[in-house]
PDB file of all heavy atoms in Angstrom:
ATOM      1  N   MET A   1      24.457   3.561  22.758  1.00  0.00           N
ATOM      2  CA  MET A   1      23.360   2.722  22.570  1.00  0.00           C
ATOM      3  C   MET A   1      22.117   3.622  22.472  1.00  0.00           C
ATOM      4  O   MET A   1      21.958   4.676  22.829  1.00  0.00           O
ATOM      5  CB  MET A   1      23.231   1.911  23.865  1.00  0.00           C
ATOM      6  CG  MET A   1      24.377   0.904  24.033  1.00  0.00           C
ATOM      7  SD  MET A   1      24.171  -0.033  25.651  1.00  0.00           S
ATOM      8  CE  MET A   1      22.638  -1.015  25.248  1.00  0.00           C
ATOM      9  N   ALA A   2      21.120   2.931  21.709  1.00  0.00           N
ATOM     10  CA  ALA A   2      19.894   3.651  21.450  1.00  0.00           C
ATOM     11  C   ALA A   2      19.133   3.693  22.730  1.00  0.00           C
ATOM     12  O   ALA A   2      19.394   3.046  23.719  1.00  0.00           O
ATOM     13  CB  ALA A   2      19.103   2.874  20.450  1.00  0.00           C
ATOM     14  N   ALA A   3      18.029   4.582  22.703  1.00  0.00           N
ATOM     15  CA  ALA A   3      17.304   4.856  23.986  1.00  0.00           C
ATOM     16  C   ALA A   3      16.703   3.428  24.520  1.00  0.00           C
ATOM     17  O   ALA A   3      16.121   2.652  23.738  1.00  0.00           O
ATOM     18  CB  ALA A   3      16.146   5.852  23.746  1.00  0.00           C
ATOM     19  N   GLN A   4      16.886   3.187  25.750  1.00  0.00           N
ATOM     20  CA  GLN A   4      16.533   1.848  26.297  1.00  0.00           C
ATOM     21  C   GLN A   4      15.052   1.627  26.260  1.00  0.00           C
ATOM     22  O   GLN A   4      14.528   0.529  26.065  1.00  0.00           O
ATOM     23  CB  GLN A   4      17.067   1.810  27.776  1.00  0.00           C
ATOM     24  CG  GLN A   4      18.487   1.695  27.876  1.00  0.00           C
ATOM     25  CD  GLN A   4      19.037   0.454  27.249  1.00  0.00           C
ATOM     26  OE1 GLN A   4      18.611  -0.640  27.414  1.00  0.00           O
ATOM     27  NE2 GLN A   4      20.157   0.700  26.445  1.00  0.00           N
ATOM     28  N   ASP A   5      14.176   2.708  26.441  1.00  0.00           N
ATOM     29  CA  ASP A   5      12.742   2.386  26.541  1.00  0.00           C
ATOM     30  C   ASP A   5      12.145   2.645  25.261  1.00  0.00           C
ATOM     31  O   ASP A   5      10.788   2.638  25.182  1.00  0.00           O
ATOM     32  CB  ASP A   5      12.116   3.383  27.653  1.00  0.00           C
ATOM     33  CG  ASP A   5      12.393   4.786  27.245  1.00  0.00           C
ATOM     34  OD1 ASP A   5      13.220   5.170  26.382  1.00  0.00           O
ATOM     35  OD2 ASP A   5      11.729   5.711  27.832  1.00  0.00           O
ATOM     36  N   PHE A   6      12.817   2.773  24.158  1.00  0.00           N
ATOM     37  CA  PHE A   6      12.258   3.054  22.832  1.00  0.00           C
ATOM     38  C   PHE A   6      12.158   1.747  22.100  1.00  0.00           C
ATOM     39  O   PHE A   6      13.170   0.951  22.145  1.00  0.00           O
ATOM     40  CB  PHE A   6      13.157   4.020  22.190  1.00  0.00           C
ATOM     41  CG  PHE A   6      12.719   4.192  20.652  1.00  0.00           C
ATOM     42  CD1 PHE A   6      11.625   5.016  20.344  1.00  0.00           C
ATOM     43  CD2 PHE A   6      13.478   3.535  19.692  1.00  0.00           C
ATOM     44  CE1 PHE A   6      11.351   5.102  19.030  1.00  0.00           C
ATOM     45  CE2 PHE A   6      13.135   3.798  18.277  1.00  0.00           C
ATOM     46  CZ  PHE A   6      12.096   4.534  17.947  1.00  0.00           C
ATOM     47  N   ASN A   7      11.063   1.389  21.649  1.00  0.00           N
ATOM     48  CA  ASN A   7      10.785   0.079  20.910  1.00  0.00           C
ATOM     49  C   ASN A   7      11.006   0.281  19.386  1.00  0.00           C
ATOM     50  O   ASN A   7      10.092   0.766  18.760  1.00  0.00           O
ATOM     51  CB  ASN A   7       9.598  -0.609  21.238  1.00  0.00           C
ATOM     52  CG  ASN A   7       9.559  -2.103  20.722  1.00  0.00           C
ATOM     53  OD1 ASN A   7      10.337  -2.439  19.777  1.00  0.00           O
ATOM     54  ND2 ASN A   7       8.679  -2.924  21.270  1.00  0.00           N
ATOM     55  N   PHE A   8      12.211   0.028  18.851  1.00  0.00           N
ATOM     56  CA  PHE A   8      12.484   0.196  17.433  1.00  0.00           C
ATOM     57  C   PHE A   8      11.427  -0.463  16.554  1.00  0.00           C
ATOM     58  O   PHE A   8      11.061  -0.036  15.450  1.00  0.00           O
ATOM     59  CB  PHE A   8      13.914  -0.140  17.059  1.00  0.00           C
ATOM     60  CG  PHE A   8      14.190  -0.120  15.635  1.00  0.00           C
ATOM     61  CD1 PHE A   8      14.435   0.914  14.936  1.00  0.00           C
ATOM     62  CD2 PHE A   8      14.183  -1.411  15.013  1.00  0.00           C
ATOM     63  CE1 PHE A   8      14.697   0.905  13.575  1.00  0.00           C
ATOM     64  CE2 PHE A   8      14.420  -1.476  13.639  1.00  0.00           C
ATOM     65  CZ  PHE A   8      14.705  -0.293  12.933  1.00  0.00           C
ATOM     66  N   LEU A   9      11.017  -1.609  16.981  1.00  0.00           N
ATOM     67  CA  LEU A   9      10.117  -2.459  16.153  1.00  0.00           C
ATOM     68  C   LEU A   9       8.729  -1.713  15.917  1.00  0.00           C
ATOM     69  O   LEU A   9       8.015  -2.121  14.919  1.00  0.00           O
ATOM     70  CB  LEU A   9       9.831  -3.853  16.881  1.00  0.00           C
ATOM     71  CG  LEU A   9      11.001  -4.910  16.696  1.00  0.00           C
ATOM     72  CD1 LEU A   9      12.216  -4.410  17.360  1.00  0.00           C
ATOM     73  CD2 LEU A   9      10.497  -6.200  17.238  1.00  0.00           C
ATOM     74  N   LEU A  10       8.395  -0.854  16.759  1.00  0.00           N
ATOM     75  CA  LEU A  10       7.166  -0.107  16.589  1.00  0.00           C
ATOM     76  C   LEU A  10       7.354   1.297  15.916  1.00  0.00           C
ATOM     77  O   LEU A  10       6.430   2.032  15.834  1.00  0.00           O
ATOM     78  CB  LEU A  10       6.562   0.166  18.019  1.00  0.00           C
ATOM     79  CG  LEU A  10       6.189  -1.165  18.831  1.00  0.00           C
ATOM     80  CD1 LEU A  10       5.689  -0.718  20.200  1.00  0.00           C
ATOM     81  CD2 LEU A  10       5.169  -1.985  18.081  1.00  0.00           C
ATOM     82  N   ALA A  11       8.623   1.595  15.446  1.00  0.00           N
ATOM     83  CA  ALA A  11       8.799   2.949  14.857  1.00  0.00           C
ATOM     84  C   ALA A  11       8.881   2.820  13.393  1.00  0.00           C
ATOM     85  O   ALA A  11       9.887   3.176  12.731  1.00  0.00           O
ATOM     86  CB  ALA A  11      10.242   3.305  15.457  1.00  0.00           C
ATOM     87  N   THR A  12       7.818   2.432  12.879  1.00  0.00           N
ATOM     88  CA  THR A  12       7.627   2.341  11.408  1.00  0.00           C
ATOM     89  C   THR A  12       6.190   2.430  10.957  1.00  0.00           C
ATOM     90  O   THR A  12       5.316   2.410  11.850  1.00  0.00           O
ATOM     91  CB  THR A  12       8.228   1.001  10.785  1.00  0.00           C
ATOM     92  OG1 THR A  12       8.361   1.063   9.497  1.00  0.00           O
ATOM     93  CG2 THR A  12       7.299  -0.148  11.126  1.00  0.00           C
ATOM     94  N   ASP A  13       5.857   2.676   9.735  1.00  0.00           N
ATOM     95  CA  ASP A  13       4.540   2.721   9.211  1.00  0.00           C
ATOM     96  C   ASP A  13       3.961   1.265   9.326  1.00  0.00           C
ATOM     97  O   ASP A  13       4.642   0.276   9.094  1.00  0.00           O
ATOM     98  CB  ASP A  13       4.527   3.180   7.715  1.00  0.00           C
ATOM     99  CG  ASP A  13       5.089   4.606   7.623  1.00  0.00           C
ATOM    100  OD1 ASP A  13       4.553   5.507   8.205  1.00  0.00           O
ATOM    101  OD2 ASP A  13       6.048   4.738   6.782  1.00  0.00           O
ATOM    102  N   SER A  14       2.644   1.308   9.704  1.00  0.00           N
ATOM    103  CA  SER A  14       1.947  -0.016   9.875  1.00  0.00           C
ATOM    104  C   SER A  14       2.266  -0.982   8.698  1.00  0.00           C
ATOM    105  O   SER A  14       2.508  -2.182   8.907  1.00  0.00           O
ATOM    106  CB  SER A  14       0.542   0.156  10.125  1.00  0.00           C
ATOM    107  OG  SER A  14       0.359   0.900  11.269  1.00  0.00           O
ATOM    108  N   TYR A  15       2.149  -0.518   7.433  1.00  0.00           N
ATOM    109  CA  TYR A  15       2.066  -1.378   6.366  1.00  0.00           C
ATOM    110  C   TYR A  15       3.449  -2.064   6.157  1.00  0.00           C
ATOM    111  O   TYR A  15       3.552  -3.120   5.498  1.00  0.00           O
ATOM    112  CB  TYR A  15       1.578  -0.646   5.098  1.00  0.00           C
ATOM    113  CG  TYR A  15       2.585   0.320   4.525  1.00  0.00           C
ATOM    114  CD1 TYR A  15       2.650   0.530   3.081  1.00  0.00           C
ATOM    115  CD2 TYR A  15       3.376   1.172   5.224  1.00  0.00           C
ATOM    116  CE1 TYR A  15       3.473   1.399   2.535  1.00  0.00           C
ATOM    117  CE2 TYR A  15       4.246   2.086   4.604  1.00  0.00           C
ATOM    118  CZ  TYR A  15       4.342   2.323   3.302  1.00  0.00           C
ATOM    119  OH  TYR A  15       4.960   3.213   2.634  1.00  0.00           O
ATOM    120  N   LYS A  16       4.484  -1.406   6.722  1.00  0.00           N
ATOM    121  CA  LYS A  16       5.901  -2.085   6.457  1.00  0.00           C
ATOM    122  C   LYS A  16       6.004  -3.397   7.255  1.00  0.00           C
ATOM    123  O   LYS A  16       6.926  -4.084   6.903  1.00  0.00           O
ATOM    124  CB  LYS A  16       6.881  -1.033   6.854  1.00  0.00           C
ATOM    125  CG  LYS A  16       7.083   0.056   5.890  1.00  0.00           C
ATOM    126  CD  LYS A  16       8.216   1.033   6.254  1.00  0.00           C
ATOM    127  CE  LYS A  16       8.376   2.121   5.349  1.00  0.00           C
ATOM    128  NZ  LYS A  16       8.933   1.639   3.985  1.00  0.00           N
ATOM    129  N   ILE A  17       5.151  -3.595   8.214  1.00  0.00           N
ATOM    130  CA  ILE A  17       5.238  -4.803   9.021  1.00  0.00           C
ATOM    131  C   ILE A  17       5.014  -6.022   8.096  1.00  0.00           C
ATOM    132  O   ILE A  17       5.470  -7.056   8.286  1.00  0.00           O
ATOM    133  CB  ILE A  17       4.183  -4.804  10.102  1.00  0.00           C
ATOM    134  CG1 ILE A  17       4.348  -3.670  11.056  1.00  0.00           C
ATOM    135  CG2 ILE A  17       4.072  -6.168  10.876  1.00  0.00           C
ATOM    136  CD1 ILE A  17       5.688  -3.632  11.717  1.00  0.00           C
ATOM    137  N   THR A  18       4.193  -5.815   7.045  1.00  0.00           N
ATOM    138  CA  THR A  18       3.889  -6.973   6.155  1.00  0.00           C
ATOM    139  C   THR A  18       4.779  -7.053   4.912  1.00  0.00           C
ATOM    140  O   THR A  18       4.623  -8.054   4.085  1.00  0.00           O
ATOM    141  CB  THR A  18       2.413  -6.668   5.659  1.00  0.00           C
ATOM    142  OG1 THR A  18       2.401  -5.511   4.792  1.00  0.00           O
ATOM    143  CG2 THR A  18       1.495  -6.497   6.846  1.00  0.00           C
ATOM    144  N   HIS A  19       5.777  -6.193   4.724  1.00  0.00           N
ATOM    145  CA  HIS A  19       6.544  -6.145   3.515  1.00  0.00           C
ATOM    146  C   HIS A  19       7.520  -7.334   3.400  1.00  0.00           C
ATOM    147  O   HIS A  19       7.847  -7.718   2.242  1.00  0.00           O
ATOM    148  CB  HIS A  19       7.249  -4.813   3.407  1.00  0.00           C
ATOM    149  CG  HIS A  19       6.494  -3.653   3.152  1.00  0.00           C
ATOM    150  ND1 HIS A  19       6.886  -2.380   3.061  1.00  0.00           N
ATOM    151  CD2 HIS A  19       5.118  -3.626   2.885  1.00  0.00           C
ATOM    152  CE1 HIS A  19       5.818  -1.579   2.746  1.00  0.00           C
ATOM    153  NE2 HIS A  19       4.727  -2.386   2.691  1.00  0.00           N
ATOM    154  N   TYR A  20       7.895  -7.944   4.447  1.00  0.00           N
ATOM    155  CA  TYR A  20       8.694  -9.131   4.402  1.00  0.00           C
ATOM    156  C   TYR A  20       8.136 -10.255   3.684  1.00  0.00           C
ATOM    157  O   TYR A  20       8.784 -11.180   3.109  1.00  0.00           O
ATOM    158  CB  TYR A  20       9.188  -9.546   5.814  1.00  0.00           C
ATOM    159  CG  TYR A  20       8.091 -10.260   6.593  1.00  0.00           C
ATOM    160  CD1 TYR A  20       8.015 -11.673   6.710  1.00  0.00           C
ATOM    161  CD2 TYR A  20       7.099  -9.592   7.243  1.00  0.00           C
ATOM    162  CE1 TYR A  20       7.180 -12.343   7.375  1.00  0.00           C
ATOM    163  CE2 TYR A  20       6.085 -10.179   8.021  1.00  0.00           C
ATOM    164  CZ  TYR A  20       6.165 -11.552   8.015  1.00  0.00           C
ATOM    165  OH  TYR A  20       5.165 -12.271   8.702  1.00  0.00           O
ATOM    166  N   LYS A  21       6.742 -10.176   3.583  1.00  0.00           N
ATOM    167  CA  LYS A  21       6.026 -11.253   2.843  1.00  0.00           C
ATOM    168  C   LYS A  21       5.888 -10.936   1.369  1.00  0.00           C
ATOM    169  O   LYS A  21       5.387 -11.700   0.559  1.00  0.00           O
ATOM    170  CB  LYS A  21       4.688 -11.456   3.399  1.00  0.00           C
ATOM    171  CG  LYS A  21       4.549 -12.066   4.790  1.00  0.00           C
ATOM    172  CD  LYS A  21       3.134 -11.997   5.278  1.00  0.00           C
ATOM    173  CE  LYS A  21       3.018 -12.857   6.621  1.00  0.00           C
ATOM    174  NZ  LYS A  21       2.950 -14.286   6.350  1.00  0.00           N
ATOM    175  N   GLN A  22       6.237  -9.649   0.923  1.00  0.00           N
ATOM    176  CA  GLN A  22       5.824  -9.208  -0.274  1.00  0.00           C
ATOM    177  C   GLN A  22       7.013  -9.124  -1.436  1.00  0.00           C
ATOM    178  O   GLN A  22       6.665  -9.038  -2.583  1.00  0.00           O
ATOM    179  CB  GLN A  22       5.286  -7.673  -0.237  1.00  0.00           C
ATOM    180  CG  GLN A  22       4.092  -7.616   0.661  1.00  0.00           C
ATOM    181  CD  GLN A  22       3.487  -6.256   0.705  1.00  0.00           C
ATOM    182  OE1 GLN A  22       3.691  -5.408  -0.065  1.00  0.00           O
ATOM    183  NE2 GLN A  22       2.945  -5.918   1.932  1.00  0.00           N
ATOM    184  N   TYR A  23       8.257  -9.317  -0.934  1.00  0.00           N
ATOM    185  CA  TYR A  23       9.300  -9.250  -1.986  1.00  0.00           C
ATOM    186  C   TYR A  23       9.411 -10.602  -2.745  1.00  0.00           C
ATOM    187  O   TYR A  23       8.918 -11.678  -2.311  1.00  0.00           O
ATOM    188  CB  TYR A  23      10.679  -9.070  -1.161  1.00  0.00           C
ATOM    189  CG  TYR A  23      10.875  -7.701  -0.686  1.00  0.00           C
ATOM    190  CD1 TYR A  23      10.427  -7.352   0.584  1.00  0.00           C
ATOM    191  CD2 TYR A  23      11.394  -6.794  -1.471  1.00  0.00           C
ATOM    192  CE1 TYR A  23      10.775  -6.103   1.126  1.00  0.00           C
ATOM    193  CE2 TYR A  23      11.562  -5.369  -1.063  1.00  0.00           C
ATOM    194  CZ  TYR A  23      11.257  -5.108   0.226  1.00  0.00           C
ATOM    195  OH  TYR A  23      11.555  -3.847   0.737  1.00  0.00           O
ATOM    196  N   PRO A  24       9.973 -10.575  -3.950  1.00  0.00           N
ATOM    197  CA  PRO A  24      10.065 -11.794  -4.723  1.00  0.00           C
ATOM    198  C   PRO A  24      11.015 -12.794  -4.043  1.00  0.00           C
ATOM    199  O   PRO A  24      11.798 -12.435  -3.190  1.00  0.00           O
ATOM    200  CB  PRO A  24      10.814 -11.294  -5.973  1.00  0.00           C
ATOM    201  CG  PRO A  24      10.603  -9.829  -6.033  1.00  0.00           C
ATOM    202  CD  PRO A  24      10.571  -9.339  -4.635  1.00  0.00           C
ATOM    203  N   PRO A  25      10.759 -14.069  -4.351  1.00  0.00           N
ATOM    204  CA  PRO A  25      11.625 -15.098  -3.797  1.00  0.00           C
ATOM    205  C   PRO A  25      13.060 -14.970  -4.096  1.00  0.00           C
ATOM    206  O   PRO A  25      13.417 -14.278  -5.160  1.00  0.00           O
ATOM    207  CB  PRO A  25      11.164 -16.385  -4.508  1.00  0.00           C
ATOM    208  CG  PRO A  25       9.744 -16.090  -4.933  1.00  0.00           C
ATOM    209  CD  PRO A  25       9.696 -14.580  -5.280  1.00  0.00           C
ATOM    210  N   ASN A  26      13.903 -15.377  -3.204  1.00  0.00           N
ATOM    211  CA  ASN A  26      15.455 -15.299  -3.375  1.00  0.00           C
ATOM    212  C   ASN A  26      15.974 -13.866  -3.354  1.00  0.00           C
ATOM    213  O   ASN A  26      17.173 -13.688  -3.700  1.00  0.00           O
ATOM    214  CB  ASN A  26      15.820 -16.003  -4.630  1.00  0.00           C
ATOM    215  CG  ASN A  26      15.460 -17.333  -4.736  1.00  0.00           C
ATOM    216  OD1 ASN A  26      15.374 -18.055  -3.736  1.00  0.00           O
ATOM    217  ND2 ASN A  26      14.869 -17.765  -5.867  1.00  0.00           N
ATOM    218  N   VAL A  27      15.190 -12.824  -2.900  1.00  0.00           N
ATOM    219  CA  VAL A  27      15.842 -11.499  -2.725  1.00  0.00           C
ATOM    220  C   VAL A  27      16.856 -11.658  -1.531  1.00  0.00           C
ATOM    221  O   VAL A  27      16.516 -12.197  -0.555  1.00  0.00           O
ATOM    222  CB  VAL A  27      14.712 -10.390  -2.477  1.00  0.00           C
ATOM    223  CG1 VAL A  27      15.345  -9.162  -1.950  1.00  0.00           C
ATOM    224  CG2 VAL A  27      13.837 -10.253  -3.714  1.00  0.00           C
ATOM    225  N   SER A  28      17.962 -11.025  -1.781  1.00  0.00           N
ATOM    226  CA  SER A  28      18.978 -11.084  -0.644  1.00  0.00           C
ATOM    227  C   SER A  28      19.554  -9.614  -0.298  1.00  0.00           C
ATOM    228  O   SER A  28      20.150  -9.436   0.573  1.00  0.00           O
ATOM    229  CB  SER A  28      20.114 -11.889  -1.050  1.00  0.00           C
ATOM    230  OG  SER A  28      20.810 -11.397  -2.330  1.00  0.00           O
ATOM    231  N   LYS A  29      19.228  -8.707  -1.267  1.00  0.00           N
ATOM    232  CA  LYS A  29      19.776  -7.302  -1.019  1.00  0.00           C
ATOM    233  C   LYS A  29      18.742  -6.268  -1.402  1.00  0.00           C
ATOM    234  O   LYS A  29      18.058  -6.309  -2.481  1.00  0.00           O
ATOM    235  CB  LYS A  29      21.000  -7.087  -1.795  1.00  0.00           C
ATOM    236  CG  LYS A  29      21.803  -5.811  -1.675  1.00  0.00           C
ATOM    237  CD  LYS A  29      22.654  -5.926  -0.385  1.00  0.00           C
ATOM    238  CE  LYS A  29      23.873  -5.083  -0.450  1.00  0.00           C
ATOM    239  NZ  LYS A  29      24.647  -5.195   0.784  1.00  0.00           N
ATOM    240  N   VAL A  30      18.624  -5.274  -0.538  1.00  0.00           N
ATOM    241  CA  VAL A  30      17.770  -4.059  -0.967  1.00  0.00           C
ATOM    242  C   VAL A  30      18.550  -2.819  -0.560  1.00  0.00           C
ATOM    243  O   VAL A  30      19.041  -2.727   0.634  1.00  0.00           O
ATOM    244  CB  VAL A  30      16.330  -4.032  -0.045  1.00  0.00           C
ATOM    245  CG1 VAL A  30      15.670  -2.787  -0.316  1.00  0.00           C
ATOM    246  CG2 VAL A  30      15.482  -5.202  -0.386  1.00  0.00           C
ATOM    247  N   TYR A  31      18.695  -2.049  -1.601  1.00  0.00           N
ATOM    248  CA  TYR A  31      19.635  -0.884  -1.479  1.00  0.00           C
ATOM    249  C   TYR A  31      18.713   0.374  -1.833  1.00  0.00           C
ATOM    250  O   TYR A  31      18.200   0.517  -2.869  1.00  0.00           O
ATOM    251  CB  TYR A  31      20.739  -1.021  -2.530  1.00  0.00           C
ATOM    252  CG  TYR A  31      21.790   0.001  -2.455  1.00  0.00           C
ATOM    253  CD1 TYR A  31      22.907  -0.116  -1.825  1.00  0.00           C
ATOM    254  CD2 TYR A  31      21.611   1.211  -3.199  1.00  0.00           C
ATOM    255  CE1 TYR A  31      23.940   0.943  -1.745  1.00  0.00           C
ATOM    256  CE2 TYR A  31      22.708   2.185  -3.278  1.00  0.00           C
ATOM    257  CZ  TYR A  31      23.731   2.092  -2.521  1.00  0.00           C
ATOM    258  OH  TYR A  31      24.735   2.956  -2.541  1.00  0.00           O
ATOM    259  N   SER A  32      18.662   1.343  -0.820  1.00  0.00           N
ATOM    260  CA  SER A  32      17.691   2.415  -1.060  1.00  0.00           C
ATOM    261  C   SER A  32      18.551   3.733  -0.774  1.00  0.00           C
ATOM    262  O   SER A  32      19.607   3.672  -0.224  1.00  0.00           O
ATOM    263  CB  SER A  32      16.577   2.363   0.007  1.00  0.00           C
ATOM    264  OG  SER A  32      15.796   1.246  -0.246  1.00  0.00           O
ATOM    265  N   TYR A  33      18.014   4.802  -1.360  1.00  0.00           N
ATOM    266  CA  TYR A  33      18.798   6.092  -1.126  1.00  0.00           C
ATOM    267  C   TYR A  33      17.737   7.221  -0.911  1.00  0.00           C
ATOM    268  O   TYR A  33      16.492   7.127  -1.022  1.00  0.00           O
ATOM    269  CB  TYR A  33      19.476   6.413  -2.506  1.00  0.00           C
ATOM    270  CG  TYR A  33      18.657   6.726  -3.632  1.00  0.00           C
ATOM    271  CD1 TYR A  33      18.259   8.003  -4.034  1.00  0.00           C
ATOM    272  CD2 TYR A  33      18.360   5.680  -4.556  1.00  0.00           C
ATOM    273  CE1 TYR A  33      17.488   8.287  -4.997  1.00  0.00           C
ATOM    274  CE2 TYR A  33      17.476   5.984  -5.630  1.00  0.00           C
ATOM    275  CZ  TYR A  33      17.086   7.262  -5.918  1.00  0.00           C
ATOM    276  OH  TYR A  33      16.411   7.479  -6.996  1.00  0.00           O
ATOM    277  N   PHE A  34      18.244   8.191  -0.257  1.00  0.00           N
ATOM    278  CA  PHE A  34      17.510   9.314   0.205  1.00  0.00           C
ATOM    279  C   PHE A  34      18.031  10.514  -0.525  1.00  0.00           C
ATOM    280  O   PHE A  34      19.143  10.913  -0.510  1.00  0.00           O
ATOM    281  CB  PHE A  34      17.633   9.577   1.652  1.00  0.00           C
ATOM    282  CG  PHE A  34      16.882  10.726   2.316  1.00  0.00           C
ATOM    283  CD1 PHE A  34      15.640  10.512   2.882  1.00  0.00           C
ATOM    284  CD2 PHE A  34      17.464  11.977   2.373  1.00  0.00           C
ATOM    285  CE1 PHE A  34      14.984  11.641   3.601  1.00  0.00           C
ATOM    286  CE2 PHE A  34      16.736  13.034   2.889  1.00  0.00           C
ATOM    287  CZ  PHE A  34      15.529  12.889   3.506  1.00  0.00           C
ATOM    288  N   GLU A  35      17.135  11.415  -1.222  1.00  0.00           N
ATOM    289  CA  GLU A  35      17.513  12.674  -1.857  1.00  0.00           C
ATOM    290  C   GLU A  35      16.439  13.679  -1.791  1.00  0.00           C
ATOM    291  O   GLU A  35      15.316  13.358  -1.468  1.00  0.00           O
ATOM    292  CB  GLU A  35      17.803  12.347  -3.370  1.00  0.00           C
ATOM    293  CG  GLU A  35      16.490  11.981  -4.080  1.00  0.00           C
ATOM    294  CD  GLU A  35      16.640  12.059  -5.619  1.00  0.00           C
ATOM    295  OE1 GLU A  35      17.176  13.176  -6.057  1.00  0.00           O
ATOM    296  OE2 GLU A  35      16.113  11.264  -6.338  1.00  0.00           O
ATOM    297  N   CYS A  36      16.863  14.903  -2.020  1.00  0.00           N
ATOM    298  CA  CYS A  36      15.945  16.004  -2.115  1.00  0.00           C
ATOM    299  C   CYS A  36      15.824  16.200  -3.644  1.00  0.00           C
ATOM    300  O   CYS A  36      16.581  16.670  -4.424  1.00  0.00           O
ATOM    301  CB  CYS A  36      16.502  17.278  -1.560  1.00  0.00           C
ATOM    302  SG  CYS A  36      15.454  18.725  -1.812  1.00  0.00           S
ATOM    303  N   ARG A  37      14.688  15.735  -4.203  1.00  0.00           N
ATOM    304  CA  ARG A  37      14.431  15.670  -5.697  1.00  0.00           C
ATOM    305  C   ARG A  37      14.513  17.037  -6.237  1.00  0.00           C
ATOM    306  O   ARG A  37      14.190  18.061  -5.748  1.00  0.00           O
ATOM    307  CB  ARG A  37      13.110  15.135  -5.935  1.00  0.00           C
ATOM    308  CG  ARG A  37      13.068  13.581  -5.564  1.00  0.00           C
ATOM    309  CD  ARG A  37      11.593  13.115  -5.680  1.00  0.00           C
ATOM    310  NE  ARG A  37      11.385  11.756  -5.312  1.00  0.00           N
ATOM    311  CZ  ARG A  37      10.209  11.249  -4.839  1.00  0.00           C
ATOM    312  NH1 ARG A  37       9.154  11.950  -5.044  1.00  0.00           N
ATOM    313  NH2 ARG A  37      10.173   9.934  -4.464  1.00  0.00           N
TER     314      ARG A  37
END
């Protein structure tokens, strides 16, 4: 289990809190990747 006293909801950039309002209607999947360019 993740650390008990750690609040995952607070572990992001502030602006991401508002992103759920910004995607187009009917979006159901977001697929992202991480690379060393």
